[in-house]
Amino acid sequence: KVFFSDNGSTAVEIALKMAFQYWQQVRPTRAVPYPKKKTKFITFKNAYHGDTIGSVSVGGIDLFHKIYKPLLFKSIKVPIGDIGALEKTVKRHHKEVAALIIEPLIQGAAGMLTQPKGFLRRVRALCTRYHVLMIADEVATGFGRTGRMFACDHENVTPDLMCVAKGITGGYLPLAATLTTQKIFDAFLGRYDE
């Protein structure tokens, strides 16, 4: 399912809102007895996800956004590539975390920092095991920039939400999209009169 917008920051902002709202609308289950408590986000140090307030809140480059700190919501930051630190963080906070957001395979604005082989697959496995939605920010990596259509394809990973922009029109028009799974989409369905 696709939600169209006009730029990468907005695509990320929409993904954050969808992830948050998803947990507010789903029914409690044995695996997730208190979904409404899942309101936080895990992100990676040196991440860059855009310039809107939400996307800056899950970013991690002070050089670009330090001045805006008083406006931002807090996120849980983990070093990129450190699966041990990530696993400890997810295990400790999963009951309060709505989603994890990642630039798959490479952090662009941080200096083209690559992640170890298999890291993305392990991130996906942790998110699945602990019922944390995975947001892949493919604004910089999507549409063939890493040699595959999407960076997630290199490790056969399907995120719960994916943000795309830049390459979607080859720069011809401002267009972005937030893609999601049927499961996320279904949580937003209601009766026609709603």
N, C-alpha and C. Protein backbone atom coordinates (compact mmCIF):
# COMPACT_ATOMS: atom_id res chain seq x y z
N LYS A 1 0.85 -1.18 0.00
CA LYS A 1 0.00 0.00 0.00
C LYS A 1 0.89 1.23 0.00
N VAL A 2 0.44 2.29 -0.64
CA VAL A 2 1.28 3.46 -0.86
C VAL A 2 0.57 4.75 -0.44
N PHE A 3 1.32 5.60 0.26
CA PHE A 3 0.86 6.95 0.62
C PHE A 3 1.83 7.91 -0.08
N PHE A 4 1.34 8.66 -1.05
CA PHE A 4 2.19 9.57 -1.82
C PHE A 4 2.37 10.90 -1.11
N SER A 5 3.54 11.48 -1.27
CA SER A 5 3.83 12.83 -0.77
C SER A 5 4.82 13.47 -1.73
N ASP A 6 5.53 14.51 -1.28
CA ASP A 6 6.36 15.24 -2.23
C ASP A 6 7.86 15.28 -1.92
N ASN A 7 8.30 14.72 -0.79
CA ASN A 7 9.74 14.74 -0.50
C ASN A 7 10.09 13.69 0.55
N GLY A 8 11.37 13.39 0.66
CA GLY A 8 11.83 12.34 1.56
C GLY A 8 11.53 12.61 3.02
N SER A 9 11.71 13.84 3.46
CA SER A 9 11.41 14.17 4.86
C SER A 9 9.95 13.87 5.18
N THR A 10 9.08 14.23 4.28
CA THR A 10 7.65 13.98 4.49
C THR A 10 7.36 12.49 4.46
N ALA A 11 8.01 11.74 3.59
CA ALA A 11 7.82 10.29 3.55
C ALA A 11 8.19 9.67 4.90
N VAL A 12 9.28 10.14 5.50
CA VAL A 12 9.70 9.66 6.82
C VAL A 12 8.70 10.09 7.88
N GLU A 13 8.30 11.34 7.83
CA GLU A 13 7.32 11.86 8.80
C GLU A 13 6.05 11.01 8.77
N ILE A 14 5.59 10.67 7.59
CA ILE A 14 4.39 9.85 7.44
C ILE A 14 4.62 8.46 8.02
N ALA A 15 5.78 7.87 7.76
CA ALA A 15 6.09 6.54 8.31
C ALA A 15 6.09 6.56 9.83
N LEU A 16 6.66 7.60 10.43
CA LEU A 16 6.67 7.71 11.89
C LEU A 16 5.25 7.80 12.43
N LYS A 17 4.43 8.62 11.79
CA LYS A 17 3.05 8.77 12.23
C LYS A 17 2.26 7.48 12.05
N MET A 18 2.47 6.80 10.93
CA MET A 18 1.78 5.53 10.70
C MET A 18 2.17 4.50 11.76
N ALA A 19 3.46 4.41 12.06
CA ALA A 19 3.93 3.44 13.06
C ALA A 19 3.32 3.75 14.42
N PHE A 20 3.34 5.02 14.80
CA PHE A 20 2.75 5.43 16.08
C PHE A 20 1.26 5.10 16.12
N GLN A 21 0.54 5.52 15.09
CA GLN A 21 -0.91 5.33 15.06
C GLN A 21 -1.29 3.86 14.97
N TYR A 22 -0.49 3.07 14.28
CA TYR A 22 -0.75 1.63 14.19
C TYR A 22 -0.92 1.03 15.58
N TRP A 23 0.03 1.33 16.47
CA TRP A 23 -0.03 0.74 17.82
C TRP A 23 -1.18 1.32 18.64
N GLN A 24 -1.64 2.51 18.30
CA GLN A 24 -2.77 3.08 19.03
C GLN A 24 -4.09 2.42 18.60
N GLN A 25 -4.10 1.80 17.43
CA GLN A 25 -5.33 1.27 16.87
C GLN A 25 -5.45 -0.25 16.92
N VAL A 26 -4.35 -0.97 17.09
CA VAL A 26 -4.45 -2.43 17.10
C VAL A 26 -4.94 -2.91 18.46
N ARG A 27 -5.55 -4.07 18.42
CA ARG A 27 -6.05 -4.68 19.66
C ARG A 27 -4.91 -5.35 20.41
N PRO A 28 -4.98 -5.37 21.73
CA PRO A 28 -3.97 -6.11 22.50
C PRO A 28 -3.97 -7.59 22.12
N THR A 29 -2.80 -8.19 22.17
CA THR A 29 -2.63 -9.63 21.91
C THR A 29 -1.78 -10.20 23.04
N ARG A 30 -1.64 -11.50 23.04
CA ARG A 30 -0.77 -12.13 24.04
C ARG A 30 0.67 -11.63 23.87
N ALA A 31 1.12 -11.47 22.63
CA ALA A 31 2.48 -11.02 22.36
C ALA A 31 2.67 -9.53 22.69
N VAL A 32 1.65 -8.72 22.45
CA VAL A 32 1.71 -7.28 22.72
C VAL A 32 0.46 -6.89 23.51
N PRO A 33 0.50 -7.11 24.84
CA PRO A 33 -0.70 -6.86 25.64
C PRO A 33 -1.05 -5.38 25.81
N TYR A 34 -0.08 -4.48 25.66
CA TYR A 34 -0.33 -3.05 25.85
C TYR A 34 0.21 -2.25 24.66
N PRO A 35 -0.43 -2.38 23.51
CA PRO A 35 0.11 -1.72 22.31
C PRO A 35 0.14 -0.19 22.41
N LYS A 36 -0.76 0.42 23.17
CA LYS A 36 -0.81 1.88 23.25
C LYS A 36 0.42 2.47 23.93
N LYS A 37 1.17 1.65 24.66
CA LYS A 37 2.40 2.12 25.31
C LYS A 37 3.57 2.20 24.33
N LYS A 38 3.40 1.66 23.13
CA LYS A 38 4.47 1.66 22.13
C LYS A 38 4.47 3.00 21.38
N THR A 39 5.19 3.96 21.95
CA THR A 39 5.18 5.33 21.42
C THR A 39 6.56 5.87 21.07
N LYS A 40 7.61 5.11 21.31
CA LYS A 40 8.98 5.61 21.09
C LYS A 40 9.59 5.01 19.82
N PHE A 41 10.75 5.55 19.45
CA PHE A 41 11.44 5.11 18.25
C PHE A 41 12.92 4.83 18.55
N ILE A 42 13.43 3.78 17.94
CA ILE A 42 14.87 3.49 17.99
C ILE A 42 15.46 3.96 16.67
N THR A 43 16.57 4.67 16.76
CA THR A 43 17.28 5.14 15.58
C THR A 43 18.78 4.95 15.81
N PHE A 44 19.56 5.27 14.81
CA PHE A 44 20.99 5.05 14.88
C PHE A 44 21.75 6.36 14.93
N LYS A 45 22.85 6.35 15.68
CA LYS A 45 23.71 7.53 15.76
C LYS A 45 24.19 7.87 14.36
N ASN A 46 24.32 9.14 14.08
CA ASN A 46 24.75 9.68 12.78
C ASN A 46 23.73 9.46 11.66
N ALA A 47 22.50 9.09 12.01
CA ALA A 47 21.46 8.91 11.00
C ALA A 47 20.99 10.26 10.46
N TYR A 48 20.53 10.25 9.25
CA TYR A 48 19.90 11.44 8.65
C TYR A 48 18.64 10.98 7.96
N HIS A 49 17.51 11.56 8.38
CA HIS A 49 16.22 11.16 7.80
C HIS A 49 15.42 12.34 7.26
N GLY A 50 16.01 13.53 7.23
CA GLY A 50 15.31 14.67 6.67
C GLY A 50 15.31 15.87 7.60
N ASP A 51 14.51 16.88 7.20
CA ASP A 51 14.54 18.16 7.90
C ASP A 51 13.23 18.59 8.53
N THR A 52 12.21 17.77 8.52
CA THR A 52 10.98 18.09 9.26
C THR A 52 11.22 17.72 10.73
N ILE A 53 10.38 18.21 11.61
CA ILE A 53 10.60 18.01 13.05
C ILE A 53 10.68 16.53 13.42
N GLY A 54 9.78 15.71 12.91
CA GLY A 54 9.81 14.28 13.22
C GLY A 54 11.04 13.61 12.66
N SER A 55 11.38 13.91 11.40
CA SER A 55 12.54 13.28 10.78
C SER A 55 13.85 13.72 11.43
N VAL A 56 13.91 14.95 11.90
CA VAL A 56 15.09 15.42 12.64
C VAL A 56 15.15 14.73 14.00
N SER A 57 14.00 14.50 14.61
CA SER A 57 13.96 13.85 15.92
C SER A 57 14.56 12.45 15.88
N VAL A 58 14.44 11.75 14.76
CA VAL A 58 15.02 10.40 14.65
C VAL A 58 16.36 10.43 13.93
N GLY A 59 16.85 11.62 13.63
CA GLY A 59 18.17 11.77 13.05
C GLY A 59 19.22 11.86 14.14
N GLY A 60 20.48 11.98 13.73
CA GLY A 60 21.52 12.00 14.73
C GLY A 60 22.76 12.77 14.33
N ILE A 61 22.62 13.79 13.52
CA ILE A 61 23.78 14.58 13.11
C ILE A 61 23.62 15.99 13.66
N ASP A 62 24.30 16.27 14.77
CA ASP A 62 24.20 17.57 15.42
C ASP A 62 24.61 18.73 14.53
N LEU A 63 25.57 18.50 13.65
CA LEU A 63 26.04 19.55 12.76
C LEU A 63 24.88 20.20 12.01
N PHE A 64 23.91 19.39 11.61
CA PHE A 64 22.78 19.89 10.84
C PHE A 64 21.63 20.42 11.69
N HIS A 65 21.44 19.85 12.87
CA HIS A 65 20.18 20.10 13.58
C HIS A 65 20.29 20.44 15.06
N LYS A 66 21.48 20.67 15.56
CA LYS A 66 21.66 20.92 17.00
C LYS A 66 20.76 22.06 17.51
N ILE A 67 20.62 23.10 16.75
CA ILE A 67 19.86 24.27 17.16
C ILE A 67 18.38 23.94 17.45
N TYR A 68 17.88 22.86 16.84
CA TYR A 68 16.46 22.52 16.96
C TYR A 68 16.14 21.57 18.11
N LYS A 69 17.15 21.17 18.90
CA LYS A 69 16.93 20.17 19.96
C LYS A 69 15.73 20.46 20.85
N PRO A 70 15.48 21.72 21.24
CA PRO A 70 14.31 21.97 22.10
C PRO A 70 12.97 21.61 21.45
N LEU A 71 12.94 21.53 20.15
CA LEU A 71 11.69 21.22 19.44
C LEU A 71 11.46 19.73 19.24
N LEU A 72 12.47 18.92 19.42
CA LEU A 72 12.44 17.52 19.01
C LEU A 72 11.91 16.58 20.08
N PHE A 73 11.30 15.46 19.64
CA PHE A 73 10.96 14.40 20.59
C PHE A 73 12.18 13.51 20.75
N LYS A 74 12.30 12.87 21.90
CA LYS A 74 13.47 12.03 22.17
C LYS A 74 13.30 10.67 21.50
N SER A 75 14.41 10.19 20.96
CA SER A 75 14.44 8.83 20.42
C SER A 75 15.56 8.07 21.12
N ILE A 76 15.53 6.77 20.98
CA ILE A 76 16.54 5.91 21.61
C ILE A 76 17.60 5.64 20.55
N LYS A 77 18.82 6.13 20.79
CA LYS A 77 19.88 6.05 19.78
C LYS A 77 20.86 4.91 20.10
N VAL A 78 21.25 4.20 19.04
CA VAL A 78 22.15 3.05 19.14
C VAL A 78 23.26 3.24 18.10
N PRO A 79 24.48 2.80 18.39
CA PRO A 79 25.53 2.87 17.37
C PRO A 79 25.21 1.97 16.17
N ILE A 80 25.42 2.47 14.98
CA ILE A 80 25.15 1.69 13.78
C ILE A 80 26.15 0.55 13.66
N GLY A 81 25.68 -0.61 13.24
CA GLY A 81 26.55 -1.76 13.02
C GLY A 81 26.81 -2.60 14.26
N ASP A 82 26.41 -2.12 15.44
CA ASP A 82 26.65 -2.85 16.69
C ASP A 82 25.40 -3.66 17.05
N ILE A 83 25.34 -4.89 16.56
CA ILE A 83 24.15 -5.71 16.76
C ILE A 83 23.95 -6.06 18.23
N GLY A 84 25.03 -6.19 18.98
CA GLY A 84 24.92 -6.49 20.41
C GLY A 84 24.24 -5.36 21.16
N ALA A 85 24.68 -4.13 20.91
CA ALA A 85 24.07 -2.97 21.56
C ALA A 85 22.61 -2.83 21.13
N LEU A 86 22.34 -3.08 19.86
CA LEU A 86 20.97 -2.99 19.38
C LEU A 86 20.09 -4.04 20.05
N GLU A 87 20.58 -5.27 20.13
CA GLU A 87 19.78 -6.32 20.75
C GLU A 87 19.46 -5.99 22.21
N LYS A 88 20.44 -5.50 22.96
CA LYS A 88 20.20 -5.10 24.35
C LYS A 88 19.15 -4.00 24.44
N THR A 89 19.26 -3.03 23.55
CA THR A 89 18.33 -1.90 23.54
C THR A 89 16.92 -2.35 23.20
N VAL A 90 16.78 -3.17 22.16
CA VAL A 90 15.45 -3.65 21.75
C VAL A 90 14.85 -4.51 22.86
N LYS A 91 15.65 -5.38 23.43
CA LYS A 91 15.17 -6.26 24.50
C LYS A 91 14.69 -5.44 25.69
N ARG A 92 15.42 -4.38 26.03
CA ARG A 92 15.09 -3.54 27.19
C ARG A 92 13.86 -2.65 26.93
N HIS A 93 13.71 -2.16 25.70
CA HIS A 93 12.69 -1.13 25.43
C HIS A 93 11.53 -1.56 24.53
N HIS A 94 11.50 -2.81 24.07
CA HIS A 94 10.51 -3.20 23.05
C HIS A 94 9.06 -2.96 23.46
N LYS A 95 8.76 -2.98 24.73
CA LYS A 95 7.37 -2.76 25.16
C LYS A 95 6.91 -1.33 24.98
N GLU A 96 7.86 -0.41 24.78
CA GLU A 96 7.53 1.00 24.60
C GLU A 96 7.92 1.54 23.22
N VAL A 97 8.49 0.68 22.37
CA VAL A 97 8.98 1.13 21.07
C VAL A 97 8.00 0.77 19.96
N ALA A 98 7.56 1.80 19.24
CA ALA A 98 6.66 1.61 18.10
C ALA A 98 7.44 1.09 16.90
N ALA A 99 8.61 1.69 16.64
CA ALA A 99 9.35 1.33 15.43
C ALA A 99 10.83 1.66 15.56
N LEU A 100 11.60 1.02 14.70
CA LEU A 100 13.01 1.29 14.51
C LEU A 100 13.15 1.82 13.09
N ILE A 101 13.93 2.87 12.93
CA ILE A 101 14.15 3.41 11.58
C ILE A 101 15.63 3.30 11.22
N ILE A 102 15.88 2.87 9.99
CA ILE A 102 17.25 2.64 9.54
C ILE A 102 17.42 3.06 8.08
N GLU A 103 18.60 3.59 7.77
CA GLU A 103 19.03 3.77 6.39
C GLU A 103 19.69 2.44 6.03
N PRO A 104 19.08 1.62 5.21
CA PRO A 104 19.64 0.29 4.97
C PRO A 104 20.97 0.30 4.21
N LEU A 105 21.89 -0.47 4.72
CA LEU A 105 23.23 -0.72 4.17
C LEU A 105 24.22 0.43 4.32
N ILE A 106 23.75 1.68 4.23
CA ILE A 106 24.70 2.80 4.22
C ILE A 106 24.07 4.07 4.78
N GLN A 107 24.82 4.74 5.65
CA GLN A 107 24.38 6.05 6.13
C GLN A 107 25.04 7.10 5.24
N GLY A 108 24.24 7.76 4.42
CA GLY A 108 24.77 8.69 3.43
C GLY A 108 25.34 9.98 4.00
N ALA A 109 24.52 10.78 4.65
CA ALA A 109 24.95 12.08 5.15
C ALA A 109 26.00 11.97 6.26
N ALA A 110 26.09 10.81 6.88
CA ALA A 110 27.07 10.60 7.95
C ALA A 110 28.48 10.42 7.39
N GLY A 111 28.60 10.28 6.07
CA GLY A 111 29.91 10.10 5.45
C GLY A 111 30.04 8.81 4.68
N MET A 112 28.92 8.31 4.18
CA MET A 112 28.89 7.05 3.41
C MET A 112 29.41 5.90 4.27
N LEU A 113 28.86 5.75 5.46
CA LEU A 113 29.24 4.69 6.39
C LEU A 113 28.46 3.43 6.08
N THR A 114 29.18 2.37 5.75
CA THR A 114 28.52 1.11 5.40
C THR A 114 28.34 0.23 6.64
N GLN A 115 27.33 -0.61 6.59
CA GLN A 115 27.04 -1.54 7.68
C GLN A 115 27.60 -2.91 7.36
N PRO A 116 27.94 -3.68 8.40
CA PRO A 116 28.48 -5.02 8.14
C PRO A 116 27.47 -5.90 7.40
N LYS A 117 27.99 -6.81 6.60
CA LYS A 117 27.13 -7.75 5.87
C LYS A 117 26.30 -8.54 6.87
N GLY A 118 25.02 -8.65 6.60
CA GLY A 118 24.11 -9.39 7.48
C GLY A 118 23.47 -8.55 8.56
N PHE A 119 23.96 -7.32 8.76
CA PHE A 119 23.42 -6.47 9.83
C PHE A 119 21.95 -6.17 9.61
N LEU A 120 21.59 -5.78 8.41
CA LEU A 120 20.19 -5.43 8.11
C LEU A 120 19.26 -6.62 8.35
N ARG A 121 19.69 -7.80 7.95
CA ARG A 121 18.89 -9.01 8.16
C ARG A 121 18.67 -9.26 9.66
N ARG A 122 19.72 -9.03 10.44
CA ARG A 122 19.62 -9.23 11.89
C ARG A 122 18.73 -8.17 12.54
N VAL A 123 18.78 -6.95 12.01
CA VAL A 123 17.88 -5.89 12.50
C VAL A 123 16.43 -6.31 12.26
N ARG A 124 16.15 -6.81 11.05
CA ARG A 124 14.80 -7.27 10.72
C ARG A 124 14.36 -8.38 11.67
N ALA A 125 15.25 -9.33 11.95
CA ALA A 125 14.92 -10.44 12.84
C ALA A 125 14.61 -9.96 14.25
N LEU A 126 15.38 -8.99 14.74
CA LEU A 126 15.12 -8.44 16.08
C LEU A 126 13.76 -7.73 16.12
N CYS A 127 13.48 -6.94 15.09
CA CYS A 127 12.20 -6.23 15.04
C CYS A 127 11.04 -7.22 15.03
N THR A 128 11.16 -8.27 14.27
CA THR A 128 10.11 -9.28 14.20
C THR A 128 9.93 -9.97 15.54
N ARG A 129 11.04 -10.41 16.13
CA ARG A 129 10.99 -11.14 17.41
C ARG A 129 10.36 -10.30 18.53
N TYR A 130 10.67 -9.01 18.56
CA TYR A 130 10.21 -8.17 19.67
C TYR A 130 9.02 -7.27 19.31
N HIS A 131 8.38 -7.51 18.18
CA HIS A 131 7.18 -6.77 17.78
C HIS A 131 7.44 -5.26 17.71
N VAL A 132 8.50 -4.91 17.02
CA VAL A 132 8.85 -3.52 16.75
C VAL A 132 8.77 -3.35 15.24
N LEU A 133 8.03 -2.36 14.78
CA LEU A 133 7.94 -2.14 13.34
C LEU A 133 9.28 -1.65 12.81
N MET A 134 9.62 -2.07 11.59
CA MET A 134 10.87 -1.66 10.96
C MET A 134 10.57 -0.70 9.82
N ILE A 135 11.17 0.49 9.91
CA ILE A 135 11.04 1.50 8.85
C ILE A 135 12.37 1.57 8.11
N ALA A 136 12.35 1.32 6.82
CA ALA A 136 13.55 1.45 5.99
C ALA A 136 13.48 2.78 5.24
N ASP A 137 14.42 3.65 5.52
CA ASP A 137 14.50 4.93 4.83
C ASP A 137 15.36 4.73 3.58
N GLU A 138 14.72 4.49 2.47
CA GLU A 138 15.40 4.23 1.19
C GLU A 138 15.40 5.46 0.29
N VAL A 139 15.25 6.64 0.90
CA VAL A 139 15.24 7.87 0.10
C VAL A 139 16.55 8.01 -0.67
N ALA A 140 17.68 7.76 -0.02
CA ALA A 140 18.98 7.89 -0.68
C ALA A 140 19.44 6.61 -1.37
N THR A 141 18.92 5.46 -0.95
CA THR A 141 19.43 4.18 -1.47
C THR A 141 18.52 3.50 -2.47
N GLY A 142 17.29 3.95 -2.58
CA GLY A 142 16.33 3.27 -3.43
C GLY A 142 16.51 3.53 -4.92
N PHE A 143 15.82 2.74 -5.70
CA PHE A 143 15.77 2.86 -7.16
C PHE A 143 17.14 2.66 -7.81
N GLY A 144 17.81 1.58 -7.39
CA GLY A 144 19.01 1.13 -8.06
C GLY A 144 20.32 1.73 -7.61
N ARG A 145 20.31 2.61 -6.64
CA ARG A 145 21.56 3.29 -6.25
C ARG A 145 22.59 2.38 -5.60
N THR A 146 22.16 1.20 -5.14
CA THR A 146 23.12 0.27 -4.52
C THR A 146 23.32 -0.98 -5.38
N GLY A 147 22.82 -0.95 -6.59
CA GLY A 147 22.97 -2.09 -7.48
C GLY A 147 21.76 -3.00 -7.52
N ARG A 148 20.84 -2.82 -6.62
CA ARG A 148 19.56 -3.52 -6.61
C ARG A 148 18.47 -2.45 -6.57
N MET A 149 17.24 -2.84 -6.84
CA MET A 149 16.16 -1.85 -6.84
C MET A 149 16.11 -1.11 -5.51
N PHE A 150 16.21 -1.87 -4.41
CA PHE A 150 16.24 -1.27 -3.08
C PHE A 150 17.38 -1.88 -2.29
N ALA A 151 17.96 -1.13 -1.37
CA ALA A 151 19.07 -1.64 -0.55
C ALA A 151 18.62 -2.85 0.25
N CYS A 152 17.38 -2.87 0.69
CA CYS A 152 16.84 -4.02 1.45
C CYS A 152 16.93 -5.31 0.66
N ASP A 153 16.89 -5.22 -0.68
CA ASP A 153 16.95 -6.41 -1.52
C ASP A 153 18.28 -7.16 -1.39
N HIS A 154 19.34 -6.47 -1.03
CA HIS A 154 20.64 -7.12 -0.88
C HIS A 154 20.63 -8.20 0.20
N GLU A 155 19.75 -8.04 1.20
CA GLU A 155 19.69 -9.02 2.29
C GLU A 155 18.30 -9.65 2.41
N ASN A 156 17.52 -9.55 1.33
CA ASN A 156 16.18 -10.13 1.29
C ASN A 156 15.32 -9.72 2.49
N VAL A 157 15.35 -8.43 2.79
CA VAL A 157 14.61 -7.88 3.93
C VAL A 157 13.38 -7.14 3.43
N THR A 158 12.27 -7.41 4.07
CA THR A 158 11.04 -6.66 3.79
C THR A 158 10.69 -5.86 5.04
N PRO A 159 10.81 -4.54 4.97
CA PRO A 159 10.45 -3.72 6.14
C PRO A 159 8.93 -3.61 6.27
N ASP A 160 8.48 -3.14 7.41
CA ASP A 160 7.05 -2.89 7.60
C ASP A 160 6.63 -1.61 6.90
N LEU A 161 7.54 -0.64 6.86
CA LEU A 161 7.31 0.62 6.17
C LEU A 161 8.59 0.99 5.42
N MET A 162 8.43 1.53 4.22
CA MET A 162 9.59 1.96 3.43
C MET A 162 9.34 3.36 2.90
N CYS A 163 10.35 4.20 3.05
CA CYS A 163 10.28 5.58 2.55
C CYS A 163 11.12 5.70 1.30
N VAL A 164 10.54 6.23 0.24
CA VAL A 164 11.26 6.43 -1.02
C VAL A 164 10.99 7.84 -1.52
N ALA A 165 11.95 8.38 -2.29
CA ALA A 165 11.78 9.72 -2.87
C ALA A 165 12.81 9.87 -3.99
N LYS A 166 13.71 10.82 -3.85
CA LYS A 166 14.70 11.21 -4.85
C LYS A 166 14.64 10.47 -6.19
N GLY A 167 15.03 9.22 -6.22
CA GLY A 167 15.13 8.49 -7.48
C GLY A 167 13.81 8.07 -8.10
N ILE A 168 12.72 8.27 -7.41
CA ILE A 168 11.42 7.79 -7.90
C ILE A 168 11.06 8.44 -9.24
N THR A 169 11.46 9.69 -9.46
CA THR A 169 11.20 10.35 -10.74
C THR A 169 12.48 10.76 -11.44
N GLY A 170 13.62 10.34 -10.90
CA GLY A 170 14.90 10.76 -11.48
C GLY A 170 15.11 12.26 -11.35
N GLY A 171 14.48 12.88 -10.38
CA GLY A 171 14.64 14.32 -10.18
C GLY A 171 13.75 15.18 -11.05
N TYR A 172 12.90 14.56 -11.85
CA TYR A 172 12.05 15.31 -12.78
C TYR A 172 10.93 16.05 -12.08
N LEU A 173 10.31 15.42 -11.09
CA LEU A 173 9.22 16.02 -10.33
C LEU A 173 9.41 15.72 -8.85
N PRO A 174 8.92 16.58 -7.96
CA PRO A 174 8.99 16.26 -6.54
C PRO A 174 7.93 15.20 -6.20
N LEU A 175 8.40 14.01 -5.87
CA LEU A 175 7.49 12.92 -5.54
C LEU A 175 8.16 12.01 -4.53
N ALA A 176 7.40 11.56 -3.58
CA ALA A 176 7.88 10.61 -2.58
C ALA A 176 6.73 9.67 -2.26
N ALA A 177 7.06 8.59 -1.54
CA ALA A 177 6.02 7.65 -1.14
C ALA A 177 6.45 6.94 0.13
N THR A 178 5.46 6.62 0.93
CA THR A 178 5.65 5.76 2.10
C THR A 178 4.88 4.50 1.80
N LEU A 179 5.60 3.38 1.71
CA LEU A 179 4.98 2.10 1.39
C LEU A 179 4.83 1.30 2.67
N THR A 180 3.76 0.51 2.74
CA THR A 180 3.56 -0.32 3.92
C THR A 180 2.91 -1.65 3.55
N THR A 181 2.88 -2.52 4.52
CA THR A 181 2.34 -3.86 4.32
C THR A 181 0.82 -3.88 4.49
N GLN A 182 0.22 -4.95 4.05
CA GLN A 182 -1.22 -5.13 4.23
C GLN A 182 -1.59 -5.11 5.71
N LYS A 183 -0.75 -5.70 6.55
CA LYS A 183 -1.01 -5.75 7.99
C LYS A 183 -1.13 -4.35 8.59
N ILE A 184 -0.22 -3.45 8.23
CA ILE A 184 -0.29 -2.07 8.73
C ILE A 184 -1.53 -1.39 8.16
N PHE A 185 -1.74 -1.54 6.87
CA PHE A 185 -2.90 -0.94 6.21
C PHE A 185 -4.20 -1.37 6.89
N ASP A 186 -4.32 -2.66 7.18
CA ASP A 186 -5.55 -3.19 7.78
C ASP A 186 -5.88 -2.54 9.11
N ALA A 187 -4.87 -2.13 9.87
CA ALA A 187 -5.09 -1.49 11.17
C ALA A 187 -5.75 -0.12 11.03
N PHE A 188 -5.71 0.43 9.82
CA PHE A 188 -6.31 1.75 9.59
C PHE A 188 -7.71 1.66 8.99
N LEU A 189 -8.13 0.46 8.64
CA LEU A 189 -9.46 0.30 8.06
C LEU A 189 -10.54 0.38 9.12
N GLY A 190 -11.65 0.96 8.76
CA GLY A 190 -12.80 1.02 9.65
C GLY A 190 -14.05 0.82 8.83
N ARG A 191 -15.17 0.94 9.50
CA ARG A 191 -16.42 0.88 8.76
C ARG A 191 -16.52 2.08 7.82
N TYR A 192 -17.30 1.94 6.77
CA TYR A 192 -17.42 3.00 5.78
C TYR A 192 -17.84 4.33 6.42
N ASP A 193 -18.77 4.29 7.38
CA ASP A 193 -19.26 5.52 7.99
C ASP A 193 -18.24 6.19 8.92
N GLU A 194 -17.16 5.45 9.25
CA GLU A 194 -16.12 6.06 10.07
C GLU A 194 -15.21 6.95 9.26
